[in-house]
Amino acid sequence: MAVQTMLRQNTLYPGPEMILLFLASLDVMLTHTILHLGGVEANPLAARVFDLAGTFGMSLYKFALIGFFVLVVEFIGSREFASGRRLATVGIAISMLPIVVALMILPRLMLNYV
């Protein structure tokens, strides 16, 4: 009964967590596109995952990281709401960095694509 109650609880930060999920999805899509156009993955661990398991493995890797981060945010937020909110905001900012870089690289790759 305790597990059922725990699974039905709402999240503390639904808005930021949905934004993180959206950014993770966008990151995977942009990474796939950049790699298809001849770009390279800058993160060595993600590059290794991609080499071993392709786009599907990269998606699993990315969403496992986001899932773990959300669990940490929820854990911290259950003890100190404001700290959890700040951590979620920092996570969003960090998640936006590779997207911004990808959007800067993508036009050049598209122009050079043969």
PDB file of N, CA and C in Angstrom:
ATOM      1  N   MET A   1       0.820  -1.193   0.000  1.00  0.00           N
ATOM      2  CA  MET A   1       0.000   0.000   0.000  1.00  0.00           C
ATOM      3  C   MET A   1       0.867   1.261   0.000  1.00  0.00           C
ATOM      4  N   ALA A   2       1.994   1.229   0.697  1.00  0.00           N
ATOM      5  CA  ALA A   2       2.869   2.401   0.735  1.00  0.00           C
ATOM      6  C   ALA A   2       3.442   2.695  -0.648  1.00  0.00           C
ATOM      7  N   VAL A   3       3.783   1.650  -1.411  1.00  0.00           N
ATOM      8  CA  VAL A   3       4.334   1.859  -2.747  1.00  0.00           C
ATOM      9  C   VAL A   3       3.273   2.472  -3.646  1.00  0.00           C
ATOM     10  N   GLN A   4       2.055   1.984  -3.556  1.00  0.00           N
ATOM     11  CA  GLN A   4       0.977   2.523  -4.378  1.00  0.00           C
ATOM     12  C   GLN A   4       0.750   4.006  -4.060  1.00  0.00           C
ATOM     13  N   THR A   5       0.780   4.372  -2.798  1.00  0.00           N
ATOM     14  CA  THR A   5       0.611   5.771  -2.409  1.00  0.00           C
ATOM     15  C   THR A   5       1.772   6.608  -2.921  1.00  0.00           C
ATOM     16  N   MET A   6       2.997   6.080  -2.811  1.00  0.00           N
ATOM     17  CA  MET A   6       4.164   6.817  -3.257  1.00  0.00           C
ATOM     18  C   MET A   6       4.111   7.049  -4.766  1.00  0.00           C
ATOM     19  N   LEU A   7       3.670   6.072  -5.530  1.00  0.00           N
ATOM     20  CA  LEU A   7       3.640   6.214  -6.975  1.00  0.00           C
ATOM     21  C   LEU A   7       2.545   7.173  -7.453  1.00  0.00           C
ATOM     22  N   ARG A   8       1.572   7.448  -6.646  1.00  0.00           N
ATOM     23  CA  ARG A   8       0.488   8.332  -7.047  1.00  0.00           C
ATOM     24  C   ARG A   8       0.716   9.783  -6.619  1.00  0.00           C
ATOM     25  N   GLN A   9       1.793  10.054  -5.931  1.00  0.00           N
ATOM     26  CA  GLN A   9       2.052  11.422  -5.495  1.00  0.00           C
ATOM     27  C   GLN A   9       2.451  12.279  -6.691  1.00  0.00           C
ATOM     28  N   ASN A  10       2.082  13.535  -6.632  1.00  0.00           N
ATOM     29  CA  ASN A  10       2.480  14.474  -7.675  1.00  0.00           C
ATOM     30  C   ASN A  10       3.932  14.866  -7.477  1.00  0.00           C
ATOM     31  N   THR A  11       4.553  15.310  -8.566  1.00  0.00           N
ATOM     32  CA  THR A  11       5.923  15.793  -8.441  1.00  0.00           C
ATOM     33  C   THR A  11       5.913  17.195  -7.848  1.00  0.00           C
ATOM     34  N   LEU A  12       7.023  17.573  -7.274  1.00  0.00           N
ATOM     35  CA  LEU A  12       7.128  18.899  -6.665  1.00  0.00           C
ATOM     36  C   LEU A  12       7.311  19.998  -7.707  1.00  0.00           C
ATOM     37  N   TYR A  13       7.934  19.656  -8.822  1.00  0.00           N
ATOM     38  CA  TYR A  13       8.289  20.656  -9.836  1.00  0.00           C
ATOM     39  C   TYR A  13       7.861  20.185 -11.229  1.00  0.00           C
ATOM     40  N   PRO A  14       6.570  20.055 -11.490  1.00  0.00           N
ATOM     41  CA  PRO A  14       6.145  19.506 -12.788  1.00  0.00           C
ATOM     42  C   PRO A  14       6.578  20.368 -13.975  1.00  0.00           C
ATOM     43  N   GLY A  15       6.522  21.677 -13.851  1.00  0.00           N
ATOM     44  CA  GLY A  15       6.918  22.559 -14.949  1.00  0.00           C
ATOM     45  C   GLY A  15       8.384  22.403 -15.330  1.00  0.00           C
ATOM     46  N   PRO A  16       9.304  22.600 -14.375  1.00  0.00           N
ATOM     47  CA  PRO A  16      10.722  22.436 -14.708  1.00  0.00           C
ATOM     48  C   PRO A  16      11.065  21.021 -15.180  1.00  0.00           C
ATOM     49  N   GLU A  17      10.394  20.016 -14.632  1.00  0.00           N
ATOM     50  CA  GLU A  17      10.697  18.645 -15.048  1.00  0.00           C
ATOM     51  C   GLU A  17      10.219  18.380 -16.471  1.00  0.00           C
ATOM     52  N   MET A  18       9.097  18.978 -16.873  1.00  0.00           N
ATOM     53  CA  MET A  18       8.650  18.847 -18.266  1.00  0.00           C
ATOM     54  C   MET A  18       9.608  19.579 -19.198  1.00  0.00           C
ATOM     55  N   ILE A  19      10.110  20.731 -18.756  1.00  0.00           N
ATOM     56  CA  ILE A  19      11.089  21.465 -19.568  1.00  0.00           C
ATOM     57  C   ILE A  19      12.356  20.634 -19.731  1.00  0.00           C
ATOM     58  N   LEU A  20      12.817  19.998 -18.660  1.00  0.00           N
ATOM     59  CA  LEU A  20      14.004  19.134 -18.750  1.00  0.00           C
ATOM     60  C   LEU A  20      13.778  17.985 -19.726  1.00  0.00           C
ATOM     61  N   LEU A  21      12.616  17.380 -19.697  1.00  0.00           N
ATOM     62  CA  LEU A  21      12.296  16.290 -20.609  1.00  0.00           C
ATOM     63  C   LEU A  21      12.280  16.791 -22.057  1.00  0.00           C
ATOM     64  N   PHE A  22      11.683  17.952 -22.279  1.00  0.00           N
ATOM     65  CA  PHE A  22      11.674  18.541 -23.622  1.00  0.00           C
ATOM     66  C   PHE A  22      13.097  18.825 -24.102  1.00  0.00           C
ATOM     67  N   LEU A  23      13.919  19.425 -23.240  1.00  0.00           N
ATOM     68  CA  LEU A  23      15.294  19.751 -23.626  1.00  0.00           C
ATOM     69  C   LEU A  23      16.107  18.495 -23.902  1.00  0.00           C
ATOM     70  N   ALA A  24      15.885  17.443 -23.120  1.00  0.00           N
ATOM     71  CA  ALA A  24      16.588  16.178 -23.360  1.00  0.00           C
ATOM     72  C   ALA A  24      16.188  15.609 -24.720  1.00  0.00           C
ATOM     73  N   SER A  25      14.898  15.682 -25.048  1.00  0.00           N
ATOM     74  CA  SER A  25      14.425  15.198 -26.349  1.00  0.00           C
ATOM     75  C   SER A  25      15.040  16.006 -27.481  1.00  0.00           C
ATOM     76  N   LEU A  26      15.044  17.314 -27.329  1.00  0.00           N
ATOM     77  CA  LEU A  26      15.619  18.182 -28.346  1.00  0.00           C
ATOM     78  C   LEU A  26      17.115  17.913 -28.511  1.00  0.00           C
ATOM     79  N   ASP A  27      17.804  17.691 -27.417  1.00  0.00           N
ATOM     80  CA  ASP A  27      19.238  17.391 -27.464  1.00  0.00           C
ATOM     81  C   ASP A  27      19.493  16.106 -28.242  1.00  0.00           C
ATOM     82  N   VAL A  28      18.718  15.066 -27.984  1.00  0.00           N
ATOM     83  CA  VAL A  28      18.899  13.801 -28.704  1.00  0.00           C
ATOM     84  C   VAL A  28      18.628  13.997 -30.194  1.00  0.00           C
ATOM     85  N   MET A  29      17.567  14.721 -30.530  1.00  0.00           N
ATOM     86  CA  MET A  29      17.245  14.940 -31.948  1.00  0.00           C
ATOM     87  C   MET A  29      18.327  15.756 -32.654  1.00  0.00           C
ATOM     88  N   LEU A  30      18.799  16.799 -32.004  1.00  0.00           N
ATOM     89  CA  LEU A  30      19.848  17.615 -32.616  1.00  0.00           C
ATOM     90  C   LEU A  30      21.157  16.836 -32.732  1.00  0.00           C
ATOM     91  N   THR A  31      21.476  16.055 -31.719  1.00  0.00           N
ATOM     92  CA  THR A  31      22.696  15.244 -31.765  1.00  0.00           C
ATOM     93  C   THR A  31      22.619  14.243 -32.913  1.00  0.00           C
ATOM     94  N   HIS A  32      21.489  13.573 -33.042  1.00  0.00           N
ATOM     95  CA  HIS A  32      21.311  12.617 -34.139  1.00  0.00           C
ATOM     96  C   HIS A  32      21.493  13.315 -35.489  1.00  0.00           C
ATOM     97  N   THR A  33      20.890  14.485 -35.651  1.00  0.00           N
ATOM     98  CA  THR A  33      20.988  15.224 -36.907  1.00  0.00           C
ATOM     99  C   THR A  33      22.425  15.639 -37.194  1.00  0.00           C
ATOM    100  N   ILE A  34      23.091  16.155 -36.185  1.00  0.00           N
ATOM    101  CA  ILE A  34      24.484  16.595 -36.362  1.00  0.00           C
ATOM    102  C   ILE A  34      25.388  15.422 -36.715  1.00  0.00           C
ATOM    103  N   LEU A  35      25.214  14.292 -36.048  1.00  0.00           N
ATOM    104  CA  LEU A  35      26.030  13.117 -36.356  1.00  0.00           C
ATOM    105  C   LEU A  35      25.731  12.614 -37.771  1.00  0.00           C
ATOM    106  N   HIS A  36      24.488  12.674 -38.190  1.00  0.00           N
ATOM    107  CA  HIS A  36      24.107  12.254 -39.537  1.00  0.00           C
ATOM    108  C   HIS A  36      24.735  13.168 -40.595  1.00  0.00           C
ATOM    109  N   LEU A  37      24.894  14.433 -40.265  1.00  0.00           N
ATOM    110  CA  LEU A  37      25.474  15.394 -41.212  1.00  0.00           C
ATOM    111  C   LEU A  37      27.001  15.418 -41.182  1.00  0.00           C
ATOM    112  N   GLY A  38      27.611  14.545 -40.378  1.00  0.00           N
ATOM    113  CA  GLY A  38      29.065  14.454 -40.354  1.00  0.00           C
ATOM    114  C   GLY A  38      29.724  15.109 -39.161  1.00  0.00           C
ATOM    115  N   GLY A  39      28.949  15.620 -38.231  1.00  0.00           N
ATOM    116  CA  GLY A  39      29.513  16.206 -37.019  1.00  0.00           C
ATOM    117  C   GLY A  39      29.971  15.117 -36.056  1.00  0.00           C
ATOM    118  N   VAL A  40      30.526  15.540 -34.956  1.00  0.00           N
ATOM    119  CA  VAL A  40      31.010  14.599 -33.946  1.00  0.00           C
ATOM    120  C   VAL A  40      30.378  14.928 -32.598  1.00  0.00           C
ATOM    121  N   GLU A  41      30.290  13.922 -31.752  1.00  0.00           N
ATOM    122  CA  GLU A  41      29.796  14.096 -30.381  1.00  0.00           C
ATOM    123  C   GLU A  41      30.964  14.568 -29.520  1.00  0.00           C
ATOM    124  N   ALA A  42      30.807  15.693 -28.851  1.00  0.00           N
ATOM    125  CA  ALA A  42      31.885  16.275 -28.046  1.00  0.00           C
ATOM    126  C   ALA A  42      32.058  15.559 -26.709  1.00  0.00           C
ATOM    127  N   ASN A  43      30.991  14.990 -26.169  1.00  0.00           N
ATOM    128  CA  ASN A  43      31.058  14.284 -24.889  1.00  0.00           C
ATOM    129  C   ASN A  43      31.607  12.876 -25.140  1.00  0.00           C
ATOM    130  N   PRO A  44      32.791  12.538 -24.600  1.00  0.00           N
ATOM    131  CA  PRO A  44      33.386  11.230 -24.880  1.00  0.00           C
ATOM    132  C   PRO A  44      32.520  10.053 -24.418  1.00  0.00           C
ATOM    133  N   LEU A  45      31.863  10.195 -23.284  1.00  0.00           N
ATOM    134  CA  LEU A  45      31.020   9.103 -22.799  1.00  0.00           C
ATOM    135  C   LEU A  45      29.801   8.914 -23.710  1.00  0.00           C
ATOM    136  N   ALA A  46      29.157  10.002 -24.091  1.00  0.00           N
ATOM    137  CA  ALA A  46      28.020   9.919 -25.008  1.00  0.00           C
ATOM    138  C   ALA A  46      28.450   9.389 -26.373  1.00  0.00           C
ATOM    139  N   ALA A  47      29.643   9.775 -26.823  1.00  0.00           N
ATOM    140  CA  ALA A  47      30.155   9.269 -28.099  1.00  0.00           C
ATOM    141  C   ALA A  47      30.350   7.757 -28.034  1.00  0.00           C
ATOM    142  N   ARG A  48      30.848   7.288 -26.918  1.00  0.00           N
ATOM    143  CA  ARG A  48      31.043   5.844 -26.741  1.00  0.00           C
ATOM    144  C   ARG A  48      29.695   5.119 -26.737  1.00  0.00           C
ATOM    145  N   VAL A  49      28.728   5.676 -26.039  1.00  0.00           N
ATOM    146  CA  VAL A  49      27.382   5.083 -26.015  1.00  0.00           C
ATOM    147  C   VAL A  49      26.816   5.054 -27.426  1.00  0.00           C
ATOM    148  N   PHE A  50      26.986   6.130 -28.171  1.00  0.00           N
ATOM    149  CA  PHE A  50      26.475   6.176 -29.538  1.00  0.00           C
ATOM    150  C   PHE A  50      27.167   5.139 -30.416  1.00  0.00           C
ATOM    151  N   ASP A  51      28.484   5.000 -30.268  1.00  0.00           N
ATOM    152  CA  ASP A  51      29.221   4.009 -31.056  1.00  0.00           C
ATOM    153  C   ASP A  51      28.745   2.589 -30.762  1.00  0.00           C
ATOM    154  N   LEU A  52      28.432   2.327 -29.499  1.00  0.00           N
ATOM    155  CA  LEU A  52      28.017   0.975 -29.106  1.00  0.00           C
ATOM    156  C   LEU A  52      26.547   0.689 -29.385  1.00  0.00           C
ATOM    157  N   ALA A  53      25.677   1.694 -29.215  1.00  0.00           N
ATOM    158  CA  ALA A  53      24.246   1.407 -29.248  1.00  0.00           C
ATOM    159  C   ALA A  53      23.445   2.315 -30.180  1.00  0.00           C
ATOM    160  N   GLY A  54      24.076   3.219 -30.878  1.00  0.00           N
ATOM    161  CA  GLY A  54      23.365   4.060 -31.832  1.00  0.00           C
ATOM    162  C   GLY A  54      22.467   5.092 -31.157  1.00  0.00           C
ATOM    163  N   THR A  55      21.539   5.598 -31.952  1.00  0.00           N
ATOM    164  CA  THR A  55      20.647   6.655 -31.465  1.00  0.00           C
ATOM    165  C   THR A  55      19.744   6.153 -30.349  1.00  0.00           C
ATOM    166  N   PHE A  56      19.285   4.900 -30.462  1.00  0.00           N
ATOM    167  CA  PHE A  56      18.431   4.345 -29.406  1.00  0.00           C
ATOM    168  C   PHE A  56      19.185   4.291 -28.076  1.00  0.00           C
ATOM    169  N   GLY A  57      20.425   3.830 -28.099  1.00  0.00           N
ATOM    170  CA  GLY A  57      21.236   3.782 -26.890  1.00  0.00           C
ATOM    171  C   GLY A  57      21.513   5.166 -26.340  1.00  0.00           C
ATOM    172  N   MET A  58      21.731   6.128 -27.252  1.00  0.00           N
ATOM    173  CA  MET A  58      21.962   7.507 -26.823  1.00  0.00           C
ATOM    174  C   MET A  58      20.709   8.055 -26.145  1.00  0.00           C
ATOM    175  N   SER A  59      19.543   7.723 -26.682  1.00  0.00           N
ATOM    176  CA  SER A  59      18.285   8.168 -26.070  1.00  0.00           C
ATOM    177  C   SER A  59      18.127   7.574 -24.683  1.00  0.00           C
ATOM    178  N   LEU A  60      18.376   6.281 -24.544  1.00  0.00           N
ATOM    179  CA  LEU A  60      18.281   5.646 -23.228  1.00  0.00           C
ATOM    180  C   LEU A  60      19.255   6.270 -22.238  1.00  0.00           C
ATOM    181  N   TYR A  61      20.471   6.512 -22.687  1.00  0.00           N
ATOM    182  CA  TYR A  61      21.493   7.134 -21.840  1.00  0.00           C
ATOM    183  C   TYR A  61      21.042   8.516 -21.368  1.00  0.00           C
ATOM    184  N   LYS A  62      20.548   9.329 -22.305  1.00  0.00           N
ATOM    185  CA  LYS A  62      20.133  10.695 -21.975  1.00  0.00           C
ATOM    186  C   LYS A  62      18.953  10.694 -21.006  1.00  0.00           C
ATOM    187  N   PHE A  63      17.960   9.841 -21.261  1.00  0.00           N
ATOM    188  CA  PHE A  63      16.776   9.837 -20.408  1.00  0.00           C
ATOM    189  C   PHE A  63      17.049   9.179 -19.059  1.00  0.00           C
ATOM    190  N   ALA A  64      18.021   8.281 -18.999  1.00  0.00           N
ATOM    191  CA  ALA A  64      18.429   7.744 -17.697  1.00  0.00           C
ATOM    192  C   ALA A  64      19.077   8.844 -16.858  1.00  0.00           C
ATOM    193  N   LEU A  65      19.900   9.661 -17.495  1.00  0.00           N
ATOM    194  CA  LEU A  65      20.516  10.789 -16.782  1.00  0.00           C
ATOM    195  C   LEU A  65      19.462  11.779 -16.294  1.00  0.00           C
ATOM    196  N   ILE A  66      18.512  12.108 -17.158  1.00  0.00           N
ATOM    197  CA  ILE A  66      17.456  13.043 -16.775  1.00  0.00           C
ATOM    198  C   ILE A  66      16.594  12.434 -15.670  1.00  0.00           C
ATOM    199  N   GLY A  67      16.281  11.158 -15.779  1.00  0.00           N
ATOM    200  CA  GLY A  67      15.490  10.488 -14.739  1.00  0.00           C
ATOM    201  C   GLY A  67      16.190  10.526 -13.393  1.00  0.00           C
ATOM    202  N   PHE A  68      17.492  10.249 -13.392  1.00  0.00           N
ATOM    203  CA  PHE A  68      18.262  10.304 -12.148  1.00  0.00           C
ATOM    204  C   PHE A  68      18.274  11.717 -11.585  1.00  0.00           C
ATOM    205  N   PHE A  69      18.455  12.700 -12.467  1.00  0.00           N
ATOM    206  CA  PHE A  69      18.480  14.097 -12.021  1.00  0.00           C
ATOM    207  C   PHE A  69      17.143  14.493 -11.411  1.00  0.00           C
ATOM    208  N   VAL A  70      16.043  14.077 -12.021  1.00  0.00           N
ATOM    209  CA  VAL A  70      14.712  14.397 -11.489  1.00  0.00           C
ATOM    210  C   VAL A  70      14.532  13.761 -10.112  1.00  0.00           C
ATOM    211  N   LEU A  71      14.998  12.527  -9.943  1.00  0.00           N
ATOM    212  CA  LEU A  71      14.914  11.881  -8.628  1.00  0.00           C
ATOM    213  C   LEU A  71      15.700  12.665  -7.582  1.00  0.00           C
ATOM    214  N   VAL A  72      16.876  13.139  -7.953  1.00  0.00           N
ATOM    215  CA  VAL A  72      17.686  13.933  -7.025  1.00  0.00           C
ATOM    216  C   VAL A  72      16.979  15.247  -6.690  1.00  0.00           C
ATOM    217  N   VAL A  73      16.426  15.903  -7.705  1.00  0.00           N
ATOM    218  CA  VAL A  73      15.702  17.164  -7.479  1.00  0.00           C
ATOM    219  C   VAL A  73      14.510  16.928  -6.555  1.00  0.00           C
ATOM    220  N   GLU A  74      13.751  15.869  -6.800  1.00  0.00           N
ATOM    221  CA  GLU A  74      12.592  15.566  -5.957  1.00  0.00           C
ATOM    222  C   GLU A  74      13.019  15.245  -4.526  1.00  0.00           C
ATOM    223  N   PHE A  75      14.108  14.505  -4.373  1.00  0.00           N
ATOM    224  CA  PHE A  75      14.604  14.155  -3.038  1.00  0.00           C
ATOM    225  C   PHE A  75      15.009  15.410  -2.278  1.00  0.00           C
ATOM    226  N   ILE A  76      15.802  16.255  -2.933  1.00  0.00           N
ATOM    227  CA  ILE A  76      16.244  17.495  -2.283  1.00  0.00           C
ATOM    228  C   ILE A  76      15.051  18.405  -2.025  1.00  0.00           C
ATOM    229  N   GLY A  77      14.149  18.511  -2.991  1.00  0.00           N
ATOM    230  CA  GLY A  77      12.983  19.370  -2.843  1.00  0.00           C
ATOM    231  C   GLY A  77      12.048  18.927  -1.733  1.00  0.00           C
ATOM    232  N   SER A  78      12.011  17.630  -1.443  1.00  0.00           N
ATOM    233  CA  SER A  78      11.149  17.152  -0.355  1.00  0.00           C
ATOM    234  C   SER A  78      11.686  17.583   1.006  1.00  0.00           C
ATOM    235  N   ARG A  79      12.961  17.925   1.064  1.00  0.00           N
ATOM    236  CA  ARG A  79      13.563  18.377   2.316  1.00  0.00           C
ATOM    237  C   ARG A  79      13.659  19.906   2.384  1.00  0.00           C
ATOM    238  N   GLU A  80      13.938  20.514   1.241  1.00  0.00           N
ATOM    239  CA  GLU A  80      14.069  21.979   1.173  1.00  0.00           C
ATOM    240  C   GLU A  80      13.558  22.421  -0.197  1.00  0.00           C
ATOM    241  N   PHE A  81      12.319  22.865  -0.253  1.00  0.00           N
ATOM    242  CA  PHE A  81      11.643  23.164  -1.520  1.00  0.00           C
ATOM    243  C   PHE A  81      12.425  24.151  -2.378  1.00  0.00           C
ATOM    244  N   ALA A  82      12.914  25.221  -1.791  1.00  0.00           N
ATOM    245  CA  ALA A  82      13.621  26.256  -2.561  1.00  0.00           C
ATOM    246  C   ALA A  82      14.919  25.713  -3.163  1.00  0.00           C
ATOM    247  N   SER A  83      15.612  24.855  -2.445  1.00  0.00           N
ATOM    248  CA  SER A  83      16.854  24.275  -2.973  1.00  0.00           C
ATOM    249  C   SER A  83      16.571  23.364  -4.163  1.00  0.00           C
ATOM    250  N   GLY A  84      15.509  22.602  -4.077  1.00  0.00           N
ATOM    251  CA  GLY A  84      15.122  21.753  -5.202  1.00  0.00           C
ATOM    252  C   GLY A  84      14.769  22.578  -6.424  1.00  0.00           C
ATOM    253  N   ARG A  85      14.072  23.679  -6.211  1.00  0.00           N
ATOM    254  CA  ARG A  85      13.694  24.570  -7.307  1.00  0.00           C
ATOM    255  C   ARG A  85      14.946  25.168  -7.953  1.00  0.00           C
ATOM    256  N   ARG A  86      15.900  25.598  -7.134  1.00  0.00           N
ATOM    257  CA  ARG A  86      17.151  26.153  -7.678  1.00  0.00           C
ATOM    258  C   ARG A  86      17.911  25.093  -8.473  1.00  0.00           C
ATOM    259  N   LEU A  87      17.978  23.871  -7.946  1.00  0.00           N
ATOM    260  CA  LEU A  87      18.681  22.795  -8.648  1.00  0.00           C
ATOM    261  C   LEU A  87      18.005  22.492  -9.983  1.00  0.00           C
ATOM    262  N   ALA A  88      16.682  22.471 -10.007  1.00  0.00           N
ATOM    263  CA  ALA A  88      15.966  22.243 -11.261  1.00  0.00           C
ATOM    264  C   ALA A  88      16.262  23.353 -12.265  1.00  0.00           C
ATOM    265  N   THR A  89      16.331  24.582 -11.798  1.00  0.00           N
ATOM    266  CA  THR A  89      16.625  25.717 -12.673  1.00  0.00           C
ATOM    267  C   THR A  89      18.042  25.621 -13.230  1.00  0.00           C
ATOM    268  N   VAL A  90      18.987  25.236 -12.383  1.00  0.00           N
ATOM    269  CA  VAL A  90      20.369  25.050 -12.842  1.00  0.00           C
ATOM    270  C   VAL A  90      20.426  23.915 -13.868  1.00  0.00           C
ATOM    271  N   GLY A  91      19.675  22.845 -13.627  1.00  0.00           N
ATOM    272  CA  GLY A  91      19.624  21.729 -14.575  1.00  0.00           C
ATOM    273  C   GLY A  91      19.108  22.167 -15.934  1.00  0.00           C
ATOM    274  N   ILE A  92      18.102  23.033 -15.932  1.00  0.00           N
ATOM    275  CA  ILE A  92      17.566  23.550 -17.195  1.00  0.00           C
ATOM    276  C   ILE A  92      18.632  24.366 -17.918  1.00  0.00           C
ATOM    277  N   ALA A  93      19.325  25.224 -17.194  1.00  0.00           N
ATOM    278  CA  ALA A  93      20.374  26.050 -17.807  1.00  0.00           C
ATOM    279  C   ALA A  93      21.484  25.184 -18.396  1.00  0.00           C
ATOM    280  N   ILE A  94      21.896  24.167 -17.659  1.00  0.00           N
ATOM    281  CA  ILE A  94      22.952  23.272 -18.150  1.00  0.00           C
ATOM    282  C   ILE A  94      22.469  22.487 -19.363  1.00  0.00           C
ATOM    283  N   SER A  95      21.210  22.056 -19.349  1.00  0.00           N
ATOM    284  CA  SER A  95      20.654  21.298 -20.475  1.00  0.00           C
ATOM    285  C   SER A  95      20.542  22.138 -21.739  1.00  0.00           C
ATOM    286  N   MET A  96      20.453  23.437 -21.574  1.00  0.00           N
ATOM    287  CA  MET A  96      20.331  24.318 -22.738  1.00  0.00           C
ATOM    288  C   MET A  96      21.669  24.547 -23.439  1.00  0.00           C
ATOM    289  N   LEU A  97      22.779  24.371 -22.739  1.00  0.00           N
ATOM    290  CA  LEU A  97      24.092  24.650 -23.331  1.00  0.00           C
ATOM    291  C   LEU A  97      24.366  23.806 -24.584  1.00  0.00           C
ATOM    292  N   PRO A  98      24.225  22.467 -24.538  1.00  0.00           N
ATOM    293  CA  PRO A  98      24.506  21.709 -25.764  1.00  0.00           C
ATOM    294  C   PRO A  98      23.516  22.003 -26.886  1.00  0.00           C
ATOM    295  N   ILE A  99      22.312  22.408 -26.542  1.00  0.00           N
ATOM    296  CA  ILE A  99      21.327  22.747 -27.566  1.00  0.00           C
ATOM    297  C   ILE A  99      21.737  24.028 -28.284  1.00  0.00           C
ATOM    298  N   VAL A 100      22.167  25.015 -27.522  1.00  0.00           N
ATOM    299  CA  VAL A 100      22.623  26.270 -28.127  1.00  0.00           C
ATOM    300  C   VAL A 100      23.829  26.014 -29.024  1.00  0.00           C
ATOM    301  N   VAL A 101      24.767  25.212 -28.555  1.00  0.00           N
ATOM    302  CA  VAL A 101      25.950  24.894 -29.364  1.00  0.00           C
ATOM    303  C   VAL A 101      25.530  24.153 -30.630  1.00  0.00           C
ATOM    304  N   ALA A 102      24.622  23.189 -30.491  1.00  0.00           N
ATOM    305  CA  ALA A 102      24.159  22.426 -31.658  1.00  0.00           C
ATOM    306  C   ALA A 102      23.475  23.339 -32.672  1.00  0.00           C
ATOM    307  N   LEU A 103      22.675  24.269 -32.198  1.00  0.00           N
ATOM    308  CA  LEU A 103      21.993  25.184 -33.118  1.00  0.00           C
ATOM    309  C   LEU A 103      22.972  26.134 -33.808  1.00  0.00           C
ATOM    310  N   MET A 104      24.121  26.368 -33.198  1.00  0.00           N
ATOM    311  CA  MET A 104      25.147  27.195 -33.841  1.00  0.00           C
ATOM    312  C   MET A 104      25.923  26.376 -34.881  1.00  0.00           C
ATOM    313  N   ILE A 105      26.115  25.086 -34.632  1.00  0.00           N
ATOM    314  CA  ILE A 105      26.882  24.218 -35.528  1.00  0.00           C
ATOM    315  C   ILE A 105      26.048  23.753 -36.714  1.00  0.00           C
ATOM    316  N   LEU A 106      24.778  23.517 -36.480  1.00  0.00           N
ATOM    317  CA  LEU A 106      23.908  22.898 -37.481  1.00  0.00           C
ATOM    318  C   LEU A 106      23.860  23.624 -38.822  1.00  0.00           C
ATOM    319  N   PRO A 107      23.708  24.953 -38.860  1.00  0.00           N
ATOM    320  CA  PRO A 107      23.666  25.605 -40.195  1.00  0.00           C
ATOM    321  C   PRO A 107      24.930  25.379 -41.021  1.00  0.00           C
ATOM    322  N   ARG A 108      26.080  25.410 -40.379  1.00  0.00           N
ATOM    323  CA  ARG A 108      27.334  25.185 -41.109  1.00  0.00           C
ATOM    324  C   ARG A 108      27.407  23.767 -41.657  1.00  0.00           C
ATOM    325  N   LEU A 109      26.980  22.778 -40.868  1.00  0.00           N
ATOM    326  CA  LEU A 109      26.969  21.404 -41.325  1.00  0.00           C
ATOM    327  C   LEU A 109      25.982  21.210 -42.471  1.00  0.00           C
ATOM    328  N   MET A 110      24.857  21.878 -42.395  1.00  0.00           N
ATOM    329  CA  MET A 110      23.854  21.748 -43.445  1.00  0.00           C
ATOM    330  C   MET A 110      24.366  22.338 -44.767  1.00  0.00           C
ATOM    331  N   LEU A 111      25.108  23.439 -44.685  1.00  0.00           N
ATOM    332  CA  LEU A 111      25.656  24.046 -45.901  1.00  0.00           C
ATOM    333  C   LEU A 111      26.737  23.179 -46.522  1.00  0.00           C
ATOM    334  N   ASN A 112      27.483  22.441 -45.701  1.00  0.00           N
ATOM    335  CA  ASN A 112      28.573  21.606 -46.206  1.00  0.00           C
ATOM    336  C   ASN A 112      28.132  20.184 -46.515  1.00  0.00           C
ATOM    337  N   TYR A 113      26.882  19.846 -46.241  1.00  0.00           N
ATOM    338  CA  TYR A 113      26.416  18.475 -46.449  1.00  0.00           C
ATOM    339  C   TYR A 113      26.341  18.160 -47.937  1.00  0.00           C
ATOM    340  N   VAL A 114      26.914  17.026 -48.287  1.00  0.00           N
ATOM    341  CA  VAL A 114      26.903  16.597 -49.707  1.00  0.00           C
ATOM    342  C   VAL A 114      26.085  15.349 -49.835  1.00  0.00           C
TER     343      VAL A 114
END
